[in-house]
Amino acid sequence: MLYTNLKHIETAADYTKIISETESTVIICGRMGTSCVPVYKIAEELGDTYKHIEFYDMEFDNPESNILRNVIEYYDLRNIPLVGYFKKGSLVEVSFGVQTKEQIAAILNREFN
């Protein structure tokens, strides 16, 4: 499990349930490393502003995260975290690697407002 203040997805079953039952969802799949931790912190901050969006993390090295990596068609281990933006159960946007708060907020505003 990742040590963030986000809600955690630990299994493929959790992922499927969350995606099917949540209107607007952001899942950050990464590690506790220098490129991922800033994105987790940004998501934690944005969760206070975007109350209609559910923010989750999922550990990249957990074999269960294959379900997310397959949906995103992600195989480049050098560019994490990968962030999936889901609306009504469908993937609407993907972003990779280190991102700024402004970049993430722009995607949220475009896809969820």
PDB file of N, CA and C in Angstrom:
ATOM      1  N   MET A   1       0.843  -1.176   0.000  1.00  0.00           N
ATOM      2  CA  MET A   1       0.000   0.000   0.000  1.00  0.00           C
ATOM      3  C   MET A   1       0.892   1.243   0.000  1.00  0.00           C
ATOM      4  N   LEU A   2       0.426   2.272  -0.682  1.00  0.00           N
ATOM      5  CA  LEU A   2       1.152   3.528  -0.724  1.00  0.00           C
ATOM      6  C   LEU A   2       0.802   4.362   0.508  1.00  0.00           C
ATOM      7  N   TYR A   3       1.771   5.119   0.973  1.00  0.00           N
ATOM      8  CA  TYR A   3       1.571   5.943   2.159  1.00  0.00           C
ATOM      9  C   TYR A   3       1.201   7.363   1.744  1.00  0.00           C
ATOM     10  N   THR A   4      -0.050   7.512   1.341  1.00  0.00           N
ATOM     11  CA  THR A   4      -0.605   8.806   0.964  1.00  0.00           C
ATOM     12  C   THR A   4      -1.886   9.018   1.760  1.00  0.00           C
ATOM     13  N   ASN A   5      -2.438  10.196   1.644  1.00  0.00           N
ATOM     14  CA  ASN A   5      -3.732  10.477   2.267  1.00  0.00           C
ATOM     15  C   ASN A   5      -4.886  10.260   1.287  1.00  0.00           C
ATOM     16  N   LEU A   6      -4.595   9.659   0.158  1.00  0.00           N
ATOM     17  CA  LEU A   6      -5.634   9.334  -0.811  1.00  0.00           C
ATOM     18  C   LEU A   6      -6.296   8.013  -0.417  1.00  0.00           C
ATOM     19  N   LYS A   7      -7.451   7.757  -0.988  1.00  0.00           N
ATOM     20  CA  LYS A   7      -8.072   6.447  -0.825  1.00  0.00           C
ATOM     21  C   LYS A   7      -7.247   5.459  -1.645  1.00  0.00           C
ATOM     22  N   HIS A   8      -7.145   4.231  -1.159  1.00  0.00           N
ATOM     23  CA  HIS A   8      -6.289   3.235  -1.804  1.00  0.00           C
ATOM     24  C   HIS A   8      -7.107   2.195  -2.562  1.00  0.00           C
ATOM     25  N   ILE A   9      -6.582   1.796  -3.704  1.00  0.00           N
ATOM     26  CA  ILE A   9      -7.120   0.656  -4.451  1.00  0.00           C
ATOM     27  C   ILE A   9      -6.057  -0.430  -4.373  1.00  0.00           C
ATOM     28  N   GLU A  10      -6.429  -1.571  -3.807  1.00  0.00           N
ATOM     29  CA  GLU A  10      -5.452  -2.639  -3.624  1.00  0.00           C
ATOM     30  C   GLU A  10      -5.691  -3.851  -4.513  1.00  0.00           C
ATOM     31  N   THR A  11      -6.911  -4.023  -5.017  1.00  0.00           N
ATOM     32  CA  THR A  11      -7.196  -5.210  -5.826  1.00  0.00           C
ATOM     33  C   THR A  11      -7.907  -4.819  -7.114  1.00  0.00           C
ATOM     34  N   ALA A  12      -7.884  -5.717  -8.064  1.00  0.00           N
ATOM     35  CA  ALA A  12      -8.607  -5.509  -9.316  1.00  0.00           C
ATOM     36  C   ALA A  12     -10.109  -5.408  -9.045  1.00  0.00           C
ATOM     37  N   ALA A  13     -10.589  -6.176  -8.085  1.00  0.00           N
ATOM     38  CA  ALA A  13     -12.014  -6.113  -7.726  1.00  0.00           C
ATOM     39  C   ALA A  13     -12.377  -4.738  -7.174  1.00  0.00           C
ATOM     40  N   ASP A  14     -11.493  -4.160  -6.333  1.00  0.00           N
ATOM     41  CA  ASP A  14     -11.725  -2.804  -5.821  1.00  0.00           C
ATOM     42  C   ASP A  14     -11.801  -1.814  -6.980  1.00  0.00           C
ATOM     43  N   TYR A  15     -10.848  -1.928  -7.894  1.00  0.00           N
ATOM     44  CA  TYR A  15     -10.801  -1.048  -9.063  1.00  0.00           C
ATOM     45  C   TYR A  15     -12.110  -1.120  -9.849  1.00  0.00           C
ATOM     46  N   THR A  16     -12.556  -2.316 -10.156  1.00  0.00           N
ATOM     47  CA  THR A  16     -13.781  -2.502 -10.945  1.00  0.00           C
ATOM     48  C   THR A  16     -14.988  -1.910 -10.237  1.00  0.00           C
ATOM     49  N   LYS A  17     -15.081  -2.134  -8.947  1.00  0.00           N
ATOM     50  CA  LYS A  17     -16.203  -1.609  -8.163  1.00  0.00           C
ATOM     51  C   LYS A  17     -16.194  -0.080  -8.146  1.00  0.00           C
ATOM     52  N   ILE A  18     -15.045   0.494  -7.890  1.00  0.00           N
ATOM     53  CA  ILE A  18     -14.931   1.956  -7.821  1.00  0.00           C
ATOM     54  C   ILE A  18     -15.268   2.593  -9.159  1.00  0.00           C
ATOM     55  N   ILE A  19     -14.707   2.072 -10.233  1.00  0.00           N
ATOM     56  CA  ILE A  19     -14.962   2.635 -11.562  1.00  0.00           C
ATOM     57  C   ILE A  19     -16.442   2.543 -11.922  1.00  0.00           C
ATOM     58  N   SER A  20     -17.085   1.454 -11.561  1.00  0.00           N
ATOM     59  CA  SER A  20     -18.489   1.276 -11.940  1.00  0.00           C
ATOM     60  C   SER A  20     -19.447   2.075 -11.056  1.00  0.00           C
ATOM     61  N   GLU A  21     -19.042   2.388  -9.831  1.00  0.00           N
ATOM     62  CA  GLU A  21     -19.956   3.047  -8.894  1.00  0.00           C
ATOM     63  C   GLU A  21     -19.681   4.531  -8.685  1.00  0.00           C
ATOM     64  N   THR A  22     -18.592   5.047  -9.217  1.00  0.00           N
ATOM     65  CA  THR A  22     -18.203   6.433  -8.979  1.00  0.00           C
ATOM     66  C   THR A  22     -18.377   7.241 -10.259  1.00  0.00           C
ATOM     67  N   GLU A  23     -19.013   8.385 -10.136  1.00  0.00           N
ATOM     68  CA  GLU A  23     -19.277   9.255 -11.287  1.00  0.00           C
ATOM     69  C   GLU A  23     -17.984   9.798 -11.908  1.00  0.00           C
ATOM     70  N   SER A  24     -17.118  10.381 -11.074  1.00  0.00           N
ATOM     71  CA  SER A  24     -15.878  11.004 -11.540  1.00  0.00           C
ATOM     72  C   SER A  24     -14.733  10.525 -10.660  1.00  0.00           C
ATOM     73  N   THR A  25     -13.741   9.907 -11.283  1.00  0.00           N
ATOM     74  CA  THR A  25     -12.669   9.248 -10.531  1.00  0.00           C
ATOM     75  C   THR A  25     -11.317   9.548 -11.155  1.00  0.00           C
ATOM     76  N   VAL A  26     -10.331   9.790 -10.296  1.00  0.00           N
ATOM     77  CA  VAL A  26      -8.948   9.929 -10.726  1.00  0.00           C
ATOM     78  C   VAL A  26      -8.145   8.881  -9.976  1.00  0.00           C
ATOM     79  N   ILE A  27      -7.387   8.073 -10.726  1.00  0.00           N
ATOM     80  CA  ILE A  27      -6.550   7.044 -10.115  1.00  0.00           C
ATOM     81  C   ILE A  27      -5.101   7.318 -10.492  1.00  0.00           C
ATOM     82  N   ILE A  28      -4.269   7.469  -9.472  1.00  0.00           N
ATOM     83  CA  ILE A  28      -2.841   7.698  -9.672  1.00  0.00           C
ATOM     84  C   ILE A  28      -2.120   6.401  -9.347  1.00  0.00           C
ATOM     85  N   CYS A  29      -1.449   5.853 -10.334  1.00  0.00           N
ATOM     86  CA  CYS A  29      -0.755   4.582 -10.178  1.00  0.00           C
ATOM     87  C   CYS A  29       0.744   4.856 -10.197  1.00  0.00           C
ATOM     88  N   GLY A  30       1.395   4.610  -9.060  1.00  0.00           N
ATOM     89  CA  GLY A  30       2.815   4.908  -8.983  1.00  0.00           C
ATOM     90  C   GLY A  30       3.493   4.229  -7.825  1.00  0.00           C
ATOM     91  N   ARG A  31       4.607   4.817  -7.440  1.00  0.00           N
ATOM     92  CA  ARG A  31       5.436   4.322  -6.339  1.00  0.00           C
ATOM     93  C   ARG A  31       5.652   5.476  -5.359  1.00  0.00           C
ATOM     94  N   MET A  32       6.343   5.190  -4.267  1.00  0.00           N
ATOM     95  CA  MET A  32       6.705   6.242  -3.328  1.00  0.00           C
ATOM     96  C   MET A  32       8.073   6.779  -3.730  1.00  0.00           C
ATOM     97  N   GLY A  33       8.118   7.438  -4.881  1.00  0.00           N
ATOM     98  CA  GLY A  33       9.374   7.954  -5.418  1.00  0.00           C
ATOM     99  C   GLY A  33       9.272   9.428  -5.751  1.00  0.00           C
ATOM    100  N   THR A  34      10.380   9.979  -6.199  1.00  0.00           N
ATOM    101  CA  THR A  34      10.464  11.421  -6.415  1.00  0.00           C
ATOM    102  C   THR A  34       9.559  11.942  -7.521  1.00  0.00           C
ATOM    103  N   SER A  35       9.197  11.122  -8.477  1.00  0.00           N
ATOM    104  CA  SER A  35       8.296  11.601  -9.528  1.00  0.00           C
ATOM    105  C   SER A  35       6.831  11.428  -9.156  1.00  0.00           C
ATOM    106  N   CYS A  36       6.544  10.526  -8.234  1.00  0.00           N
ATOM    107  CA  CYS A  36       5.155  10.219  -7.888  1.00  0.00           C
ATOM    108  C   CYS A  36       4.634  10.997  -6.685  1.00  0.00           C
ATOM    109  N   VAL A  37       5.443  11.135  -5.656  1.00  0.00           N
ATOM    110  CA  VAL A  37       4.987  11.774  -4.417  1.00  0.00           C
ATOM    111  C   VAL A  37       4.415  13.179  -4.661  1.00  0.00           C
ATOM    112  N   PRO A  38       5.049  14.019  -5.488  1.00  0.00           N
ATOM    113  CA  PRO A  38       4.453  15.336  -5.727  1.00  0.00           C
ATOM    114  C   PRO A  38       3.049  15.252  -6.350  1.00  0.00           C
ATOM    115  N   VAL A  39       2.821  14.277  -7.200  1.00  0.00           N
ATOM    116  CA  VAL A  39       1.507  14.126  -7.836  1.00  0.00           C
ATOM    117  C   VAL A  39       0.475  13.671  -6.805  1.00  0.00           C
ATOM    118  N   TYR A  40       0.871  12.780  -5.884  1.00  0.00           N
ATOM    119  CA  TYR A  40      -0.047  12.389  -4.807  1.00  0.00           C
ATOM    120  C   TYR A  40      -0.426  13.612  -3.970  1.00  0.00           C
ATOM    121  N   LYS A  41       0.549  14.431  -3.627  1.00  0.00           N
ATOM    122  CA  LYS A  41       0.298  15.616  -2.799  1.00  0.00           C
ATOM    123  C   LYS A  41      -0.630  16.598  -3.512  1.00  0.00           C
ATOM    124  N   ILE A  42      -0.432  16.766  -4.802  1.00  0.00           N
ATOM    125  CA  ILE A  42      -1.309  17.642  -5.587  1.00  0.00           C
ATOM    126  C   ILE A  42      -2.732  17.096  -5.568  1.00  0.00           C
ATOM    127  N   ALA A  43      -2.891  15.803  -5.752  1.00  0.00           N
ATOM    128  CA  ALA A  43      -4.222  15.190  -5.725  1.00  0.00           C
ATOM    129  C   ALA A  43      -4.882  15.383  -4.362  1.00  0.00           C
ATOM    130  N   GLU A  44      -4.098  15.246  -3.301  1.00  0.00           N
ATOM    131  CA  GLU A  44      -4.634  15.465  -1.961  1.00  0.00           C
ATOM    132  C   GLU A  44      -5.164  16.894  -1.829  1.00  0.00           C
ATOM    133  N   GLU A  45      -4.407  17.860  -2.323  1.00  0.00           N
ATOM    134  CA  GLU A  45      -4.821  19.267  -2.275  1.00  0.00           C
ATOM    135  C   GLU A  45      -6.054  19.507  -3.140  1.00  0.00           C
ATOM    136  N   LEU A  46      -6.050  18.971  -4.339  1.00  0.00           N
ATOM    137  CA  LEU A  46      -7.169  19.203  -5.264  1.00  0.00           C
ATOM    138  C   LEU A  46      -8.451  18.532  -4.782  1.00  0.00           C
ATOM    139  N   GLY A  47      -8.329  17.487  -3.994  1.00  0.00           N
ATOM    140  CA  GLY A  47      -9.508  16.824  -3.444  1.00  0.00           C
ATOM    141  C   GLY A  47     -10.358  17.758  -2.597  1.00  0.00           C
ATOM    142  N   ASP A  48      -9.725  18.749  -1.978  1.00  0.00           N
ATOM    143  CA  ASP A  48     -10.468  19.731  -1.182  1.00  0.00           C
ATOM    144  C   ASP A  48     -11.266  20.686  -2.063  1.00  0.00           C
ATOM    145  N   THR A  49     -10.779  20.945  -3.262  1.00  0.00           N
ATOM    146  CA  THR A  49     -11.446  21.860  -4.192  1.00  0.00           C
ATOM    147  C   THR A  49     -12.470  21.143  -5.062  1.00  0.00           C
ATOM    148  N   TYR A  50     -12.120  19.968  -5.531  1.00  0.00           N
ATOM    149  CA  TYR A  50     -12.966  19.202  -6.444  1.00  0.00           C
ATOM    150  C   TYR A  50     -13.669  18.090  -5.663  1.00  0.00           C
ATOM    151  N   LYS A  51     -14.634  18.475  -4.871  1.00  0.00           N
ATOM    152  CA  LYS A  51     -15.315  17.520  -3.982  1.00  0.00           C
ATOM    153  C   LYS A  51     -16.149  16.490  -4.749  1.00  0.00           C
ATOM    154  N   HIS A  52     -16.502  16.786  -5.995  1.00  0.00           N
ATOM    155  CA  HIS A  52     -17.309  15.868  -6.796  1.00  0.00           C
ATOM    156  C   HIS A  52     -16.467  14.794  -7.496  1.00  0.00           C
ATOM    157  N   ILE A  53     -15.155  14.838  -7.277  1.00  0.00           N
ATOM    158  CA  ILE A  53     -14.245  13.860  -7.882  1.00  0.00           C
ATOM    159  C   ILE A  53     -13.628  13.028  -6.769  1.00  0.00           C
ATOM    160  N   GLU A  54     -13.588  11.715  -6.982  1.00  0.00           N
ATOM    161  CA  GLU A  54     -12.950  10.798  -6.037  1.00  0.00           C
ATOM    162  C   GLU A  54     -11.510  10.567  -6.491  1.00  0.00           C
ATOM    163  N   PHE A  55     -10.549  10.764  -5.594  1.00  0.00           N
ATOM    164  CA  PHE A  55      -9.135  10.573  -5.891  1.00  0.00           C
ATOM    165  C   PHE A  55      -8.635   9.320  -5.189  1.00  0.00           C
ATOM    166  N   TYR A  56      -7.937   8.459  -5.939  1.00  0.00           N
ATOM    167  CA  TYR A  56      -7.408   7.202  -5.419  1.00  0.00           C
ATOM    168  C   TYR A  56      -5.952   7.041  -5.831  1.00  0.00           C
ATOM    169  N   ASP A  57      -5.248   6.203  -5.087  1.00  0.00           N
ATOM    170  CA  ASP A  57      -3.930   5.765  -5.532  1.00  0.00           C
ATOM    171  C   ASP A  57      -3.955   4.257  -5.704  1.00  0.00           C
ATOM    172  N   MET A  58      -3.018   3.763  -6.492  1.00  0.00           N
ATOM    173  CA  MET A  58      -2.852   2.328  -6.693  1.00  0.00           C
ATOM    174  C   MET A  58      -1.369   2.074  -6.886  1.00  0.00           C
ATOM    175  N   GLU A  59      -0.847   1.102  -6.179  1.00  0.00           N
ATOM    176  CA  GLU A  59       0.582   0.824  -6.222  1.00  0.00           C
ATOM    177  C   GLU A  59       0.972   0.191  -7.559  1.00  0.00           C
ATOM    178  N   PHE A  60       1.887   0.833  -8.249  1.00  0.00           N
ATOM    179  CA  PHE A  60       2.318   0.393  -9.575  1.00  0.00           C
ATOM    180  C   PHE A  60       2.879  -1.029  -9.556  1.00  0.00           C
ATOM    181  N   ASP A  61       3.613  -1.373  -8.498  1.00  0.00           N
ATOM    182  CA  ASP A  61       4.279  -2.674  -8.444  1.00  0.00           C
ATOM    183  C   ASP A  61       3.381  -3.792  -7.933  1.00  0.00           C
ATOM    184  N   ASN A  62       2.177  -3.489  -7.581  1.00  0.00           N
ATOM    185  CA  ASN A  62       1.206  -4.500  -7.172  1.00  0.00           C
ATOM    186  C   ASN A  62       0.711  -5.204  -8.439  1.00  0.00           C
ATOM    187  N   PRO A  63       0.796  -6.525  -8.523  1.00  0.00           N
ATOM    188  CA  PRO A  63       0.317  -7.226  -9.717  1.00  0.00           C
ATOM    189  C   PRO A  63      -1.141  -6.893 -10.058  1.00  0.00           C
ATOM    190  N   GLU A  64      -1.920  -6.521  -9.060  1.00  0.00           N
ATOM    191  CA  GLU A  64      -3.324  -6.163  -9.291  1.00  0.00           C
ATOM    192  C   GLU A  64      -3.464  -4.894 -10.136  1.00  0.00           C
ATOM    193  N   SER A  65      -2.416  -4.062 -10.176  1.00  0.00           N
ATOM    194  CA  SER A  65      -2.509  -2.825 -10.963  1.00  0.00           C
ATOM    195  C   SER A  65      -2.461  -3.093 -12.461  1.00  0.00           C
ATOM    196  N   ASN A  66      -2.199  -4.330 -12.861  1.00  0.00           N
ATOM    197  CA  ASN A  66      -2.238  -4.665 -14.286  1.00  0.00           C
ATOM    198  C   ASN A  66      -3.577  -4.303 -14.908  1.00  0.00           C
ATOM    199  N   ILE A  67      -4.642  -4.398 -14.135  1.00  0.00           N
ATOM    200  CA  ILE A  67      -5.963  -4.070 -14.679  1.00  0.00           C
ATOM    201  C   ILE A  67      -6.006  -2.618 -15.152  1.00  0.00           C
ATOM    202  N   LEU A  68      -5.423  -1.714 -14.390  1.00  0.00           N
ATOM    203  CA  LEU A  68      -5.380  -0.306 -14.784  1.00  0.00           C
ATOM    204  C   LEU A  68      -4.385  -0.090 -15.915  1.00  0.00           C
ATOM    205  N   ARG A  69      -3.215  -0.691 -15.808  1.00  0.00           N
ATOM    206  CA  ARG A  69      -2.206  -0.511 -16.861  1.00  0.00           C
ATOM    207  C   ARG A  69      -2.704  -1.047 -18.194  1.00  0.00           C
ATOM    208  N   ASN A  70      -3.501  -2.114 -18.183  1.00  0.00           N
ATOM    209  CA  ASN A  70      -4.049  -2.652 -19.431  1.00  0.00           C
ATOM    210  C   ASN A  70      -5.105  -1.730 -20.025  1.00  0.00           C
ATOM    211  N   VAL A  71      -5.922  -1.118 -19.193  1.00  0.00           N
ATOM    212  CA  VAL A  71      -6.933  -0.178 -19.688  1.00  0.00           C
ATOM    213  C   VAL A  71      -6.251   1.023 -20.337  1.00  0.00           C
ATOM    214  N   ILE A  72      -5.191   1.486 -19.710  1.00  0.00           N
ATOM    215  CA  ILE A  72      -4.479   2.657 -20.218  1.00  0.00           C
ATOM    216  C   ILE A  72      -3.499   2.272 -21.321  1.00  0.00           C
ATOM    217  N   GLU A  73      -3.222   0.979 -21.468  1.00  0.00           N
ATOM    218  CA  GLU A  73      -2.245   0.476 -22.429  1.00  0.00           C
ATOM    219  C   GLU A  73      -0.874   1.072 -22.138  1.00  0.00           C
ATOM    220  N   TYR A  74      -0.467   0.917 -20.894  1.00  0.00           N
ATOM    221  CA  TYR A  74       0.750   1.540 -20.394  1.00  0.00           C
ATOM    222  C   TYR A  74       1.819   0.489 -20.140  1.00  0.00           C
ATOM    223  N   TYR A  75       2.984   0.669 -20.752  1.00  0.00           N
ATOM    224  CA  TYR A  75       4.062  -0.290 -20.566  1.00  0.00           C
ATOM    225  C   TYR A  75       5.422   0.370 -20.356  1.00  0.00           C
ATOM    226  N   ASP A  76       5.469   1.691 -20.293  1.00  0.00           N
ATOM    227  CA  ASP A  76       6.729   2.415 -20.143  1.00  0.00           C
ATOM    228  C   ASP A  76       7.018   2.656 -18.666  1.00  0.00           C
ATOM    229  N   LEU A  77       7.901   1.868 -18.100  1.00  0.00           N
ATOM    230  CA  LEU A  77       8.196   1.954 -16.671  1.00  0.00           C
ATOM    231  C   LEU A  77       8.972   3.204 -16.294  1.00  0.00           C
ATOM    232  N   ARG A  78       9.448   3.946 -17.255  1.00  0.00           N
ATOM    233  CA  ARG A  78      10.255   5.132 -16.962  1.00  0.00           C
ATOM    234  C   ARG A  78       9.416   6.368 -16.708  1.00  0.00           C
ATOM    235  N   ASN A  79       8.146   6.330 -17.000  1.00  0.00           N
ATOM    236  CA  ASN A  79       7.337   7.540 -16.970  1.00  0.00           C
ATOM    237  C   ASN A  79       6.140   7.367 -16.033  1.00  0.00           C
ATOM    238  N   ILE A  80       6.416   7.198 -14.739  1.00  0.00           N
ATOM    239  CA  ILE A  80       5.336   7.084 -13.770  1.00  0.00           C
ATOM    240  C   ILE A  80       5.348   8.319 -12.879  1.00  0.00           C
ATOM    241  N   PRO A  81       4.250   8.678 -12.283  1.00  0.00           N
ATOM    242  CA  PRO A  81       3.004   7.925 -12.195  1.00  0.00           C
ATOM    243  C   PRO A  81       2.186   8.040 -13.473  1.00  0.00           C
ATOM    244  N   LEU A  82       1.295   7.099 -13.629  1.00  0.00           N
ATOM    245  CA  LEU A  82       0.300   7.217 -14.673  1.00  0.00           C
ATOM    246  C   LEU A  82      -1.002   7.598 -13.969  1.00  0.00           C
ATOM    247  N   VAL A  83      -1.723   8.492 -14.573  1.00  0.00           N
ATOM    248  CA  VAL A  83      -2.953   9.001 -13.973  1.00  0.00           C
ATOM    249  C   VAL A  83      -4.095   8.754 -14.946  1.00  0.00           C
ATOM    250  N   GLY A  84      -5.100   8.013 -14.479  1.00  0.00           N
ATOM    251  CA  GLY A  84      -6.289   7.747 -15.279  1.00  0.00           C
ATOM    252  C   GLY A  84      -7.452   8.573 -14.772  1.00  0.00           C
ATOM    253  N   TYR A  85      -8.142   9.233 -15.673  1.00  0.00           N
ATOM    254  CA  TYR A  85      -9.305  10.066 -15.358  1.00  0.00           C
ATOM    255  C   TYR A  85     -10.534   9.353 -15.922  1.00  0.00           C
ATOM    256  N   PHE A  86     -11.460   8.987 -15.052  1.00  0.00           N
ATOM    257  CA  PHE A  86     -12.624   8.200 -15.440  1.00  0.00           C
ATOM    258  C   PHE A  86     -13.912   8.965 -15.163  1.00  0.00           C
ATOM    259  N   LYS A  87     -14.813   8.907 -16.128  1.00  0.00           N
ATOM    260  CA  LYS A  87     -16.117   9.553 -15.984  1.00  0.00           C
ATOM    261  C   LYS A  87     -17.180   8.518 -16.347  1.00  0.00           C
ATOM    262  N   LYS A  88     -18.067   8.269 -15.405  1.00  0.00           N
ATOM    263  CA  LYS A  88     -19.144   7.293 -15.598  1.00  0.00           C
ATOM    264  C   LYS A  88     -18.602   5.947 -16.081  1.00  0.00           C
ATOM    265  N   GLY A  89     -17.479   5.528 -15.511  1.00  0.00           N
ATOM    266  CA  GLY A  89     -16.917   4.223 -15.820  1.00  0.00           C
ATOM    267  C   GLY A  89     -16.024   4.152 -17.043  1.00  0.00           C
ATOM    268  N   SER A  90     -15.896   5.255 -17.773  1.00  0.00           N
ATOM    269  CA  SER A  90     -15.075   5.254 -18.989  1.00  0.00           C
ATOM    270  C   SER A  90     -13.833   6.117 -18.808  1.00  0.00           C
ATOM    271  N   LEU A  91     -12.728   5.653 -19.353  1.00  0.00           N
ATOM    272  CA  LEU A  91     -11.491   6.410 -19.343  1.00  0.00           C
ATOM    273  C   LEU A  91     -11.642   7.591 -20.301  1.00  0.00           C
ATOM    274  N   VAL A  92     -11.457   8.823 -19.785  1.00  0.00           N
ATOM    275  CA  VAL A  92     -11.616  10.006 -20.626  1.00  0.00           C
ATOM    276  C   VAL A  92     -10.309  10.745 -20.872  1.00  0.00           C
ATOM    277  N   GLU A  93      -9.297  10.470 -20.041  1.00  0.00           N
ATOM    278  CA  GLU A  93      -8.003  11.146 -20.199  1.00  0.00           C
ATOM    279  C   GLU A  93      -6.944  10.360 -19.449  1.00  0.00           C
ATOM    280  N   VAL A  94      -5.713  10.497 -19.908  1.00  0.00           N
ATOM    281  CA  VAL A  94      -4.565   9.865 -19.262  1.00  0.00           C
ATOM    282  C   VAL A  94      -3.428  10.876 -19.249  1.00  0.00           C
ATOM    283  N   SER A  95      -2.670  10.891 -18.155  1.00  0.00           N
ATOM    284  CA  SER A  95      -1.445  11.690 -18.126  1.00  0.00           C
ATOM    285  C   SER A  95      -0.354  10.851 -17.470  1.00  0.00           C
ATOM    286  N   PHE A  96       0.899  11.203 -17.762  1.00  0.00           N
ATOM    287  CA  PHE A  96       2.038  10.414 -17.308  1.00  0.00           C
ATOM    288  C   PHE A  96       3.106  11.319 -16.711  1.00  0.00           C
ATOM    289  N   GLY A  97       3.836  10.778 -15.751  1.00  0.00           N
ATOM    290  CA  GLY A  97       5.014  11.449 -15.221  1.00  0.00           C
ATOM    291  C   GLY A  97       4.712  12.614 -14.299  1.00  0.00           C
ATOM    292  N   VAL A  98       5.765  13.347 -13.992  1.00  0.00           N
ATOM    293  CA  VAL A  98       5.653  14.499 -13.105  1.00  0.00           C
ATOM    294  C   VAL A  98       4.755  15.539 -13.750  1.00  0.00           C
ATOM    295  N   GLN A  99       3.821  16.047 -12.973  1.00  0.00           N
ATOM    296  CA  GLN A  99       2.883  17.048 -13.472  1.00  0.00           C
ATOM    297  C   GLN A  99       2.716  18.150 -12.434  1.00  0.00           C
ATOM    298  N   THR A 100       2.325  19.315 -12.886  1.00  0.00           N
ATOM    299  CA  THR A 100       2.084  20.428 -11.966  1.00  0.00           C
ATOM    300  C   THR A 100       0.608  20.439 -11.562  1.00  0.00           C
ATOM    301  N   LYS A 101       0.346  21.177 -10.520  1.00  0.00           N
ATOM    302  CA  LYS A 101      -1.031  21.345 -10.065  1.00  0.00           C
ATOM    303  C   LYS A 101      -1.889  21.965 -11.176  1.00  0.00           C
ATOM    304  N   GLU A 102      -1.321  22.904 -11.886  1.00  0.00           N
ATOM    305  CA  GLU A 102      -2.037  23.570 -12.967  1.00  0.00           C
ATOM    306  C   GLU A 102      -2.370  22.604 -14.107  1.00  0.00           C
ATOM    307  N   GLN A 103      -1.458  21.730 -14.435  1.00  0.00           N
ATOM    308  CA  GLN A 103      -1.707  20.755 -15.501  1.00  0.00           C
ATOM    309  C   GLN A 103      -2.836  19.796 -15.116  1.00  0.00           C
ATOM    310  N   ILE A 104      -2.797  19.311 -13.886  1.00  0.00           N
ATOM    311  CA  ILE A 104      -3.834  18.387 -13.431  1.00  0.00           C
ATOM    312  C   ILE A 104      -5.173  19.100 -13.324  1.00  0.00           C
ATOM    313  N   ALA A 105      -5.181  20.312 -12.770  1.00  0.00           N
ATOM    314  CA  ALA A 105      -6.426  21.082 -12.647  1.00  0.00           C
ATOM    315  C   ALA A 105      -7.033  21.370 -14.021  1.00  0.00           C
ATOM    316  N   ALA A 106      -6.197  21.624 -15.022  1.00  0.00           N
ATOM    317  CA  ALA A 106      -6.708  21.875 -16.374  1.00  0.00           C
ATOM    318  C   ALA A 106      -7.454  20.650 -16.900  1.00  0.00           C
ATOM    319  N   ILE A 107      -6.912  19.469 -16.659  1.00  0.00           N
ATOM    320  CA  ILE A 107      -7.595  18.241 -17.092  1.00  0.00           C
ATOM    321  C   ILE A 107      -8.898  18.072 -16.320  1.00  0.00           C
ATOM    322  N   LEU A 108      -8.867  18.289 -15.020  1.00  0.00           N
ATOM    323  CA  LEU A 108     -10.089  18.162 -14.212  1.00  0.00           C
ATOM    324  C   LEU A 108     -11.165  19.122 -14.698  1.00  0.00           C
ATOM    325  N   ASN A 109     -10.779  20.354 -14.964  1.00  0.00           N
ATOM    326  CA  ASN A 109     -11.748  21.364 -15.433  1.00  0.00           C
ATOM    327  C   ASN A 109     -12.327  20.995 -16.799  1.00  0.00           C
ATOM    328  N   ARG A 110     -11.486  20.483 -17.668  1.00  0.00           N
ATOM    329  CA  ARG A 110     -11.933  20.114 -19.015  1.00  0.00           C
ATOM    330  C   ARG A 110     -12.838  18.888 -18.996  1.00  0.00           C
ATOM    331  N   GLU A 111     -12.497  17.888 -18.197  1.00  0.00           N
ATOM    332  CA  GLU A 111     -13.204  16.611 -18.252  1.00  0.00           C
ATOM    333  C   GLU A 111     -14.361  16.477 -17.253  1.00  0.00           C
ATOM    334  N   PHE A 112     -14.314  17.212 -16.154  1.00  0.00           N
ATOM    335  CA  PHE A 112     -15.304  16.978 -15.097  1.00  0.00           C
ATOM    336  C   PHE A 112     -16.175  18.182 -14.754  1.00  0.00           C
ATOM    337  N   ASN A 113     -16.043  19.278 -15.446  1.00  0.00           N
ATOM    338  CA  ASN A 113     -16.904  20.448 -15.161  1.00  0.00           C
ATOM    339  C   ASN A 113     -17.812  20.754 -16.314  1.00  0.00           C
TER     340      ASN A 113
END
